[in-house]
C-alpha atoms as a PDB file:
ATOM      1  CA  MET A   1      -0.176 -71.759  57.474  1.00  0.00           C
ATOM      2  CA  LEU A   2       3.189 -70.388  58.356  1.00  0.00           C
ATOM      3  CA  SER A   3       6.197 -71.130  56.154  1.00  0.00           C
ATOM      4  CA  ASN A   4       9.474 -71.336  57.207  1.00  0.00           C
ATOM      5  CA  SER A   5      11.208 -71.155  53.704  1.00  0.00           C
ATOM      6  CA  PRO A   6      14.434 -69.256  53.330  1.00  0.00           C
ATOM      7  CA  ASN A   7      12.930 -67.407  50.067  1.00  0.00           C
ATOM      8  CA  LYS A   8       9.895 -65.979  51.634  1.00  0.00           C
ATOM      9  CA  ARG A   9       9.343 -63.276  54.451  1.00  0.00           C
ATOM     10  CA  GLY A  10       6.566 -61.878  56.095  1.00  0.00           C
ATOM     11  CA  PHE A  11       5.694 -58.830  57.911  1.00  0.00           C
ATOM     12  CA  LEU A  12       4.243 -57.807  60.719  1.00  0.00           C
ATOM     13  CA  LEU A  13       3.064 -54.047  61.330  1.00  0.00           C
ATOM     14  CA  ILE A  14       1.956 -53.343  65.403  1.00  0.00           C
ATOM     15  CA  ASP A  15       0.976 -49.982  66.047  1.00  0.00           C
ATOM     16  CA  GLY A  16       1.457 -47.735  69.114  1.00  0.00           C
ATOM     17  CA  PHE A  17      -1.854 -49.124  71.201  1.00  0.00           C
ATOM     18  CA  ARG A  18      -0.819 -50.970  74.471  1.00  0.00           C
ATOM     19  CA  GLY A  19      -2.637 -54.019  74.015  1.00  0.00           C
ATOM     20  CA  HIS A  20      -0.628 -54.857  71.157  1.00  0.00           C
ATOM     21  CA  PHE A  21       2.078 -55.316  73.264  1.00  0.00           C
ATOM     22  CA  ILE A  22       4.747 -58.514  72.424  1.00  0.00           C
ATOM     23  CA  SER A  23       6.847 -60.048  74.860  1.00  0.00           C
ATOM     24  CA  ASP A  24      10.258 -61.159  73.914  1.00  0.00           C
ATOM     25  CA  ASP A  25       9.405 -64.680  73.937  1.00  0.00           C
ATOM     26  CA  LEU A  26       6.632 -64.098  71.309  1.00  0.00           C
ATOM     27  CA  GLU A  27       8.935 -61.774  69.347  1.00  0.00           C
ATOM     28  CA  LYS A  28      11.484 -64.680  69.101  1.00  0.00           C
ATOM     29  CA  GLU A  29       8.494 -66.819  67.881  1.00  0.00           C
ATOM     30  CA  ILE A  30       7.410 -64.810  65.088  1.00  0.00           C
ATOM     31  CA  LYS A  31      10.741 -63.942  63.660  1.00  0.00           C
ATOM     32  CA  GLN A  32      11.712 -67.717  63.816  1.00  0.00           C
ATOM     33  CA  PHE A  33       9.101 -67.552  60.547  1.00  0.00           C
ATOM     34  CA  LYS A  34      10.838 -65.117  59.077  1.00  0.00           C
ATOM     35  CA  PHE A  35       8.462 -62.241  59.492  1.00  0.00           C
ATOM     36  CA  ASP A  36       9.758 -58.290  60.064  1.00  0.00           C
ATOM     37  CA  ILE A  37       8.330 -56.653  63.046  1.00  0.00           C
ATOM     38  CA  CYS A  38       7.729 -52.952  62.891  1.00  0.00           C
ATOM     39  CA  LYS A  39       6.510 -51.261  65.713  1.00  0.00           C
ATOM     40  CA  THR A  40       5.336 -47.921  65.392  1.00  0.00           C
ATOM     41  CA  LYS A  41       3.299 -45.110  66.742  1.00  0.00           C
ATOM     42  CA  TYR A  42       2.758 -43.021  63.752  1.00  0.00           C
ATOM     43  CA  LEU A  43       1.111 -45.752  61.233  1.00  0.00           C
ATOM     44  CA  GLN A  44      -2.137 -47.163  62.413  1.00  0.00           C
ATOM     45  CA  PRO A  45      -3.432 -49.173  59.596  1.00  0.00           C
ATOM     46  CA  MET A  46      -6.177 -50.484  61.340  1.00  0.00           C
ATOM     47  CA  ASP A  47      -7.611 -46.865  61.693  1.00  0.00           C
ATOM     48  CA  LEU A  48      -7.443 -46.310  58.226  1.00  0.00           C
ATOM     49  CA  ALA A  49      -8.583 -49.782  56.799  1.00  0.00           C
ATOM     50  CA  VAL A  50     -11.265 -50.538  59.327  1.00  0.00           C
ATOM     51  CA  ASN A  51     -12.100 -48.426  62.245  1.00  0.00           C
ATOM     52  CA  ARG A  52     -12.603 -44.870  60.124  1.00  0.00           C
ATOM     53  CA  SER A  53     -15.516 -46.940  58.224  1.00  0.00           C
ATOM     54  CA  LEU A  54     -16.878 -48.278  61.504  1.00  0.00           C
ATOM     55  CA  LYS A  55     -16.760 -45.071  63.614  1.00  0.00           C
ATOM     56  CA  LYS A  56     -18.264 -43.309  60.049  1.00  0.00           C
ATOM     57  CA  PHE A  57     -20.939 -45.965  60.032  1.00  0.00           C
ATOM     58  CA  TYR A  58     -22.092 -45.649  63.652  1.00  0.00           C
ATOM     59  CA  GLY A  59     -21.437 -42.161  64.040  1.00  0.00           C
ATOM     60  CA  GLN A  60     -24.080 -41.799  61.394  1.00  0.00           C
ATOM     61  CA  LYS A  61     -26.451 -44.337  63.020  1.00  0.00           C
ATOM     62  CA  TRP A  62     -26.101 -42.215  66.118  1.00  0.00           C
ATOM     63  CA  GLU A  63     -26.823 -38.894  64.445  1.00  0.00           C
ATOM     64  CA  ASP A  64     -30.341 -40.422  62.774  1.00  0.00           C
ATOM     65  CA  TYR A  65     -30.907 -41.739  66.243  1.00  0.00           C
ATOM     66  CA  ILE A  66     -30.080 -38.324  68.075  1.00  0.00           C
ATOM     67  CA  SER A  67     -31.993 -35.919  65.302  1.00  0.00           C
ATOM     68  CA  SER A  68     -35.490 -38.377  65.264  1.00  0.00           C
ATOM     69  CA  SER A  69     -35.274 -38.633  69.189  1.00  0.00           C
ATOM     70  CA  THR A  70     -37.251 -36.718  71.555  1.00  0.00           C
ATOM     71  CA  LYS A  71     -35.349 -36.894  74.153  1.00  0.00           C
ATOM     72  CA  THR A  72     -32.932 -34.215  75.289  1.00  0.00           C
ATOM     73  CA  PHE A  73     -28.962 -34.571  75.510  1.00  0.00           C
ATOM     74  CA  ASN A  74     -26.518 -32.340  77.129  1.00  0.00           C
ATOM     75  CA  LYS A  75     -23.397 -31.072  75.853  1.00  0.00           C
ATOM     76  CA  SER A  76     -21.848 -34.348  76.661  1.00  0.00           C
ATOM     77  CA  TRP A  77     -24.721 -36.823  75.064  1.00  0.00           C
ATOM     78  CA  LYS A  78     -25.862 -37.626  78.405  1.00  0.00           C
ATOM     79  CA  TYR A  79     -29.378 -37.938  78.488  1.00  0.00           C
ATOM     80  CA  GLN A  80     -31.650 -35.285  80.483  1.00  0.00           C
ATOM     81  CA  GLY A  81     -34.546 -36.782  82.158  1.00  0.00           C
ATOM     82  CA  SER A  82     -36.139 -39.543  83.773  1.00  0.00           C
ATOM     83  CA  ILE A  83     -35.269 -43.100  82.666  1.00  0.00           C
END
């Protein structure tokens, strides 16, 4: 639960993804709970902490699938042949 204690503050870091849009009303609500909001297009913590690992994992799965497949793909990785 969020605390409205004057001695505690929070920090909300939002990257430039347009889905992370915060309305003015929501921003006021967040600030009532003593959160500082930093909107940036340069720091992308989810890309570093989460997405990189997922992309690496699924990228390897894709590479394994492609290398073991008898199907042929074009340069855009679209399947060539009948389904």
